Structures are given as structure tokens and as C-alpha cells.
Amino acid sequence: MNVDFRKLRSFVKIVDAGSVSRAAGILRIAQPALSQQVAALEEHFKHKLLIRSNHGTVATEAGLILYRHAQLLLKQIEQAKIDIDKAATSVAGRVSIGLATYSTSNTLSLPILKAMRARHPDVVVHINDSFGFVLSELIMTGKMDMAIIYGSGPIKGVVMEPLFREELFFVTRPSDEAISDDGSPIPLSKLDRVPLLLPSRAHFLRRLIDEQLARARVAPAIVSELESVPALGAAVMDGLGATILPSSVAESAKSFGGAVTRRLVRPVIEATVSLCISDHLPLSEPAIAAKSVLFEVVSDLMAQHPRGIRPAAR
């Protein structure tokens, strides 16, 4: 039996959907026919690939290995078709880039889109704003080409290339009475019992902030956890509390209009921001082009925002 791409595409869709019946509906294939395709793959590879239960369908360890390879093969076939259609006259296709929430990297989205539009108009750029650990999983499974996330690794299945370090600032509305507004840096010790609005504990940034506050023996009053920059800005400017963010995030978000940013010291809180790519899936031509553009945009960002952003140690 020859393994054709139709069977591999069907197998990937079943794993993504978590159900043979749901995948059959999406692919518009009769469920028995889809089951026969899976059976043919299992016969060819001599391993059980899926486990079915009343709760759905999941891949076995062998199935996960096939899933990763199938993702790569299908992506290569898709890119080959695009390359043939374009006859190599220009870089064309699709590239997906993830940007960690609450990071300076979010300010990169518009410059990246503009630069890619100018240099590679036939490349469709997909930007995803999500949690860092979720983005790394998307990279590992081949569902996304690259991401800019917090941390420098190691994370299994991906390569982390440090891009820059960003300093975190205390952000509040001008009339906040909790901190005197004389423009001077704020020692972390001054944040004891200060109402704060922060990301949830699942976020890398929150874990970093909690760690540094604990070292300074500070017990802030966490009044709310938000995962949306616009919602966070609105809450801060409405007086519900202050927050801790990279200064460029507060300066670029409309919801933070008029906010005051102050340096935090003793200690300074810094986070490493890295480029995350797969350690086993090669980058497509559009992804390689996007990576080059990304490095240039990051270089410009560091030049334009010297306050709080500096090159990362490699």
C-alpha cells in the first residue's frame, strides 16, 4: 500500500478535530471511508495510531510521531504547489508569527506587516497574539512557523534565540495616590499592599513579577487578573489599580492614553524575549523571508525605544 497525501491529510484532521465523526464532517467524507483510511495507515506502519473512546479520539505515541511528520510533508506539498504556480518569480505563500501577550513584541506586529507588504506582497502574514507556552506548542507541532515569546529556553521541540531584554515599568494613572508622582524610580518595596492588576499566574510575565516581588518581601494587593491589554488599560485608567508592563506596551496601547510609567528598581525587573522556531521542521521560503524582516524590525525597535529595551546576551 502506498501512503498518499489524502490519507495523511485525513489523519491530521482527525487528530486536530479529536473525533473521527467531526473530521468526516469537516472533510465531507463518509465516516466509514475515513476509518478505512486510518486502518490502511495503521496496516502500513504496523502500529496503532489512534485511540477511540466515548470522550473522543486521541493519537497514540506512534500516531503523534506520524502527525508531526505529516504536518511537515503537507506543508511542503502546499508550498511546492505555490512555488510552481508562481514559477519562482517571487516569494509567495503564507507565514504565521506568534507574539506573546503583554510583551514589547506586540509593538512589532504593525512594522512586520508593513515591511512584509512592501518587500514580499505575495506572502500572507498571519499574526497570533497568545500565551508564550501555547505558542511554543504550536511551533513544535508545525501549526505555526515562528513566535516571539518570553524566556530563553530550553523548551523541548523548539529552538529559542534571544532577541532582546525588556525592562518592566510601574504603570498607573496620573492621579494615583498610592505612589507619589515625582518622576523618580520606585523601589519594589514601595509596592507593598499597592492594588495591582496583572496577568494570570499561568503567564510567564506574572511568574517573573511574583518572583521579584517575593524577593523584595513585598505583598501587593492583586485586585484582578486580565489577559487583554485594552481591558487592562481601561481598568488602570479607571483607577481600579496599577500594573507592571514594558513601557512601550503602555505607550503604544490607546487604552493607556495618559498613563504614567515609572522605573522599578531594587531590583530592576527584566524579561528576555526570544525568537522561537521548531528544532525539527525546516522553515519555508516565506518564513525565511519573514525571519529576516523580523530581525531588522527588532533592531529598529531597540534603536527607537532605548528606555527599557536592550540586546539580549547570546
Protein backbone atom coordinates (compact mmCIF):
# COMPACT_ATOMS: atom_id res chain seq x y z
CA MET A 1 0.00 0.00 0.00
CA ASN A 2 1.32 3.42 -0.94
CA VAL A 3 0.73 6.17 1.61
CA ASP A 4 -0.88 9.06 -0.28
CA PHE A 5 -1.23 12.60 0.93
CA ARG A 6 -5.00 12.30 1.06
CA LYS A 7 -4.76 9.72 3.84
CA LEU A 8 -2.18 11.79 5.72
CA ARG A 9 -4.35 14.91 5.42
CA SER A 10 -7.33 12.97 6.75
CA PHE A 11 -5.26 11.60 9.65
CA VAL A 12 -4.07 15.10 10.63
CA LYS A 13 -7.65 16.40 10.51
CA ILE A 14 -8.84 13.60 12.83
CA VAL A 15 -6.13 14.42 15.39
CA ASP A 16 -6.92 18.16 15.17
CA ALA A 17 -10.68 17.58 15.48
CA GLY A 18 -10.35 14.99 18.25
CA SER A 19 -13.07 12.88 16.64
CA VAL A 20 -13.45 10.75 13.51
CA SER A 21 -17.05 11.87 13.06
CA ARG A 22 -16.17 15.58 13.36
CA ALA A 23 -13.29 15.16 10.92
CA ALA A 24 -15.58 13.33 8.49
CA GLY A 25 -17.99 16.26 8.60
CA ILE A 26 -15.22 18.80 8.03
CA LEU A 27 -13.70 16.81 5.15
CA ARG A 28 -17.14 15.85 3.77
CA ILE A 29 -16.14 12.20 3.74
CA ALA A 30 -18.28 9.31 4.94
CA GLN A 31 -17.13 8.17 8.39
CA PRO A 32 -16.60 4.51 7.34
CA ALA A 33 -14.40 5.66 4.45
CA LEU A 34 -12.36 7.81 6.84
CA SER A 35 -11.98 4.89 9.24
CA GLN A 36 -10.74 2.75 6.34
CA GLN A 37 -8.05 5.33 5.56
CA VAL A 38 -6.84 5.18 9.17
CA ALA A 39 -6.87 1.38 9.08
CA ALA A 40 -4.77 1.46 5.90
CA LEU A 41 -2.23 3.75 7.58
CA GLU A 42 -2.07 1.50 10.65
CA GLU A 43 -1.54 -1.54 8.43
CA HIS A 44 1.24 0.20 6.53
CA PHE A 45 3.12 1.47 9.60
CA LYS A 46 2.41 -1.68 11.69
CA HIS A 47 1.36 0.44 14.67
CA LYS A 48 -1.91 1.57 16.23
CA LEU A 49 -2.18 5.29 15.51
CA LEU A 50 -5.42 6.34 17.22
CA ILE A 51 -7.25 5.51 20.43
CA ARG A 52 -11.03 5.97 20.33
CA SER A 53 -13.28 6.31 23.37
CA ASN A 54 -16.60 7.85 24.38
CA HIS A 55 -14.69 11.08 25.04
CA GLY A 56 -13.20 11.36 21.57
CA THR A 57 -10.15 10.24 19.57
CA VAL A 58 -6.52 10.84 20.51
CA ALA A 59 -3.25 9.88 18.86
CA THR A 60 -1.01 7.18 20.30
CA GLU A 61 2.72 7.86 20.73
CA ALA A 62 3.27 6.39 17.24
CA GLY A 63 0.37 8.48 15.99
CA LEU A 64 1.92 11.68 17.35
CA ILE A 65 5.17 10.92 15.53
CA LEU A 66 3.27 10.38 12.27
CA TYR A 67 1.25 13.55 12.95
CA ARG A 68 4.40 15.68 13.19
CA HIS A 69 5.90 14.21 10.02
CA ALA A 70 2.59 14.52 8.18
CA GLN A 71 2.38 18.21 9.12
CA LEU A 72 5.79 18.77 7.58
CA LEU A 73 5.02 16.80 4.41
CA LEU A 74 1.68 18.52 3.84
CA LYS A 75 3.22 21.93 4.40
CA GLN A 76 5.97 21.12 1.88
CA ILE A 77 3.42 19.95 -0.69
CA GLU A 78 1.36 23.12 -0.19
CA GLN A 79 4.45 25.28 -0.59
CA ALA A 80 5.56 23.30 -3.65
CA LYS A 81 2.23 24.00 -5.33
CA ILE A 82 2.55 27.71 -4.55
CA ASP A 83 6.13 27.78 -5.82
CA ILE A 84 5.15 26.04 -9.05
CA ASP A 85 2.18 28.37 -9.59
CA LYS A 86 4.35 31.44 -9.06
CA ALA A 87 7.15 29.97 -11.21
CA ALA A 88 9.69 31.27 -8.73
CA THR A 89 9.07 34.86 -9.80
CA SER A 90 8.72 35.99 -6.19
CA VAL A 91 8.41 34.71 -2.64
CA ALA A 92 4.81 33.69 -2.12
CA GLY A 93 2.76 31.71 0.34
CA ARG A 94 1.81 32.07 3.97
CA VAL A 95 3.74 32.62 7.19
CA SER A 96 2.38 32.55 10.74
CA ILE A 97 4.03 34.56 13.53
CA GLY A 98 3.06 34.42 17.19
CA LEU A 99 3.56 37.34 19.58
CA ALA A 100 3.48 36.89 23.35
CA THR A 101 0.80 38.88 25.17
CA TYR A 102 1.85 41.87 27.31
CA SER A 103 5.23 41.95 25.58
CA THR A 104 7.05 44.70 23.71
CA SER A 105 6.94 42.20 20.84
CA ASN A 106 3.31 43.22 20.27
CA THR A 107 4.55 46.60 19.07
CA LEU A 108 6.36 44.69 16.30
CA SER A 109 3.18 43.48 14.58
CA LEU A 110 2.46 46.60 12.52
CA PRO A 111 6.12 47.17 11.45
CA ILE A 112 6.37 43.49 10.44
CA LEU A 113 3.16 43.66 8.42
CA LYS A 114 4.24 46.88 6.67
CA ALA A 115 7.73 45.58 5.87
CA MET A 116 6.42 42.25 4.55
CA ARG A 117 3.80 44.06 2.46
CA ALA A 118 6.50 46.27 0.92
CA ARG A 119 9.06 43.55 0.24
CA HIS A 120 7.00 40.38 -0.18
CA PRO A 121 3.48 41.37 -1.27
CA ASP A 122 2.61 37.79 -2.26
CA VAL A 123 3.16 36.46 1.26
CA VAL A 124 0.11 36.35 3.52
CA VAL A 125 1.19 37.08 7.12
CA HIS A 126 -0.83 35.60 9.97
CA ILE A 127 -0.25 37.21 13.38
CA ASN A 128 -1.32 35.39 16.55
CA ASP A 129 -1.32 37.02 19.99
CA SER A 130 -1.38 34.37 22.70
CA PHE A 131 0.36 32.90 25.75
CA GLY A 132 4.02 32.02 25.27
CA PHE A 133 3.73 28.37 26.26
CA VAL A 134 0.79 27.85 23.88
CA LEU A 135 2.75 29.44 21.03
CA SER A 136 5.72 27.13 21.63
CA GLU A 137 3.40 24.12 21.33
CA LEU A 138 2.06 25.45 18.03
CA ILE A 139 5.64 25.82 16.78
CA MET A 140 6.56 22.31 17.92
CA THR A 141 3.62 20.71 16.09
CA GLY A 142 4.16 22.72 12.90
CA LYS A 143 0.94 24.72 13.15
CA MET A 144 2.89 27.98 13.35
CA ASP A 145 6.20 28.99 11.75
CA MET A 146 7.75 31.17 14.47
CA ALA A 147 6.93 33.15 17.58
CA ILE A 148 8.38 35.87 19.75
CA ILE A 149 7.92 34.77 23.35
CA TYR A 150 9.24 35.34 26.85
CA GLY A 151 12.11 33.19 28.09
CA SER A 152 15.32 31.82 26.65
CA GLY A 153 14.60 28.11 27.00
CA PRO A 154 15.17 25.33 26.86
CA ILE A 155 11.77 24.10 25.65
CA LYS A 156 11.52 20.61 24.17
CA GLY A 157 10.88 20.59 20.42
CA VAL A 158 11.87 24.21 19.74
CA VAL A 159 14.95 26.43 19.48
CA MET A 160 14.98 29.70 21.43
CA GLU A 161 17.12 32.54 20.05
CA PRO A 162 17.29 35.52 22.47
CA LEU A 163 16.42 38.82 20.75
CA PHE A 164 16.35 41.47 23.46
CA ARG A 165 15.72 42.13 27.13
CA GLU A 166 12.89 44.42 28.14
CA GLU A 167 12.62 46.27 31.43
CA LEU A 168 9.26 46.31 33.20
CA PHE A 169 7.78 49.57 34.49
CA PHE A 170 5.16 50.58 37.04
CA VAL A 171 2.17 51.92 35.08
CA THR A 172 -0.63 53.92 36.67
CA ARG A 173 -2.98 56.82 36.00
CA PRO A 174 -1.61 60.29 36.81
CA SER A 175 -3.90 60.84 39.82
CA ASP A 176 -2.95 57.60 41.59
CA GLU A 177 -2.42 58.48 45.24
CA ALA A 178 -0.68 55.19 46.08
CA ILE A 179 2.63 56.39 44.62
CA SER A 180 3.87 59.99 44.69
CA ASP A 181 4.38 61.25 41.14
CA ASP A 182 7.77 62.94 41.38
CA GLY A 183 9.16 61.01 38.39
CA SER A 184 11.81 59.18 40.41
CA PRO A 185 12.32 55.38 40.18
CA ILE A 186 10.18 53.30 42.51
CA PRO A 187 11.82 50.67 44.75
CA LEU A 188 9.84 47.41 44.73
CA SER A 189 9.48 47.75 48.48
CA LYS A 190 7.11 50.70 47.87
CA LEU A 191 4.60 48.37 46.18
CA ASP A 192 3.66 46.59 49.42
CA ARG A 193 -0.16 46.39 49.54
CA VAL A 194 -0.47 48.59 46.42
CA PRO A 195 -3.52 47.45 44.35
CA LEU A 196 -2.24 45.75 41.18
CA LEU A 197 -3.86 44.45 38.01
CA LEU A 198 -1.74 41.66 36.49
CA PRO A 199 -1.90 38.74 34.05
CA SER A 200 -2.93 35.35 35.48
CA ARG A 201 -0.40 33.08 37.20
CA ALA A 202 -0.15 30.96 34.02
CA HIS A 203 1.63 33.81 32.23
CA PHE A 204 5.45 33.97 32.22
CA LEU A 205 5.36 37.69 32.95
CA ARG A 206 3.23 37.16 36.07
CA ARG A 207 5.54 34.46 37.37
CA LEU A 208 8.53 36.78 36.87
CA ILE A 209 6.79 39.65 38.67
CA ASP A 210 5.70 37.43 41.57
CA GLU A 211 9.24 36.08 41.93
CA GLN A 212 10.80 39.55 42.10
CA LEU A 213 8.16 40.89 44.50
CA ALA A 214 8.71 37.89 46.76
CA ARG A 215 12.46 38.51 46.78
CA ALA A 216 11.78 42.11 47.80
CA ARG A 217 9.43 40.77 50.53
CA VAL A 218 6.53 42.68 49.04
CA ALA A 219 2.90 41.57 49.39
CA PRO A 220 0.90 43.51 46.77
CA ALA A 221 -2.89 43.52 46.71
CA ILE A 222 -3.80 41.70 43.47
CA VAL A 223 -7.27 43.03 42.73
CA SER A 224 -7.77 41.48 39.29
CA GLU A 225 -6.13 39.26 36.63
CA LEU A 226 -6.59 40.28 32.99
CA GLU A 227 -5.30 38.81 29.73
CA SER A 228 -6.34 41.70 27.48
CA VAL A 229 -4.18 44.81 27.02
CA PRO A 230 -7.18 47.06 26.15
CA ALA A 231 -9.11 45.81 29.18
CA LEU A 232 -6.08 46.22 31.42
CA GLY A 233 -5.52 49.79 30.20
CA ALA A 234 -9.16 50.71 30.76
CA ALA A 235 -9.08 49.28 34.28
CA VAL A 236 -5.86 51.11 35.19
CA MET A 237 -7.08 54.43 33.81
CA ASP A 238 -10.38 53.99 35.66
CA GLY A 239 -8.49 53.81 38.93
CA LEU A 240 -9.00 50.12 39.75
CA GLY A 241 -5.28 49.66 40.31
CA ALA A 242 -1.83 49.96 38.75
CA THR A 243 0.08 47.40 36.68
CA ILE A 244 3.60 46.36 35.69
CA LEU A 245 4.43 46.26 31.97
CA PRO A 246 7.13 47.09 29.41
CA SER A 247 6.91 50.86 28.88
CA SER A 248 6.45 50.54 25.11
CA VAL A 249 3.29 48.45 25.64
CA ALA A 250 1.67 51.16 27.74
CA GLU A 251 2.89 53.88 25.38
CA SER A 252 1.54 52.15 22.26
CA ALA A 253 -1.84 50.99 23.59
CA LYS A 254 -4.66 53.54 23.14
CA SER A 255 -6.38 52.31 26.30
CA PHE A 256 -3.35 53.54 28.30
CA GLY A 257 -3.61 57.09 26.92
CA GLY A 258 -2.28 59.49 29.54
CA ALA A 259 -0.85 56.78 31.77
CA VAL A 260 2.31 57.43 33.82
CA THR A 261 5.23 54.98 33.61
CA ARG A 262 7.89 54.84 36.30
CA ARG A 263 11.04 52.73 36.52
CA LEU A 264 11.15 49.96 39.10
CA VAL A 265 14.43 49.48 40.96
CA ARG A 266 15.98 47.45 43.76
CA PRO A 267 15.72 45.21 41.84
CA VAL A 268 15.07 46.11 38.22
CA ILE A 269 12.69 43.58 36.64
CA GLU A 270 13.81 42.39 33.20
CA ALA A 271 12.50 39.69 30.88
CA THR A 272 14.25 38.02 27.96
CA VAL A 273 12.28 37.95 24.70
CA SER A 274 13.29 35.23 22.22
CA LEU A 275 12.53 34.02 18.73
CA CYS A 276 11.06 30.52 18.92
CA ILE A 277 11.25 28.15 15.92
CA SER A 278 10.97 24.39 15.53
CA ASP A 279 14.06 22.27 16.09
CA HIS A 280 12.93 19.63 13.57
CA LEU A 281 10.76 21.36 10.93
CA PRO A 282 12.57 23.46 8.30
CA LEU A 283 11.34 26.97 7.61
CA SER A 284 9.53 27.57 4.34
CA GLU A 285 10.72 30.27 1.94
CA PRO A 286 8.08 32.78 3.18
CA ALA A 287 9.09 32.02 6.77
CA ILE A 288 12.77 32.59 5.99
CA ALA A 289 11.86 35.93 4.40
CA ALA A 290 9.75 36.87 7.42
CA LYS A 291 12.53 35.92 9.83
CA SER A 292 14.93 38.27 8.05
CA VAL A 293 12.38 41.09 8.20
CA LEU A 294 11.72 40.35 11.87
CA PHE A 295 15.39 40.76 12.82
CA GLU A 296 15.51 44.14 11.07
CA VAL A 297 12.31 45.30 12.80
CA VAL A 298 13.67 44.21 16.20
CA SER A 299 16.87 46.18 15.54
CA ASP A 300 14.81 49.27 14.71
CA LEU A 301 12.69 48.76 17.85
CA MET A 302 15.75 48.77 20.10
CA ALA A 303 17.01 51.95 18.43
CA GLN A 304 13.64 53.71 18.79
CA HIS A 305 12.99 52.62 22.38
CA PRO A 306 16.30 52.83 24.23
CA ARG A 307 14.43 53.14 27.52
CA GLY A 308 13.95 49.64 28.84
CA ILE A 309 14.97 47.61 25.76
CA ARG A 310 18.48 46.31 25.22
CA PRO A 311 20.14 43.46 23.29
CA ALA A 312 19.95 40.05 24.90
CA ALA A 313 23.07 38.09 25.78
CA ARG A 314 23.60 35.26 23.32
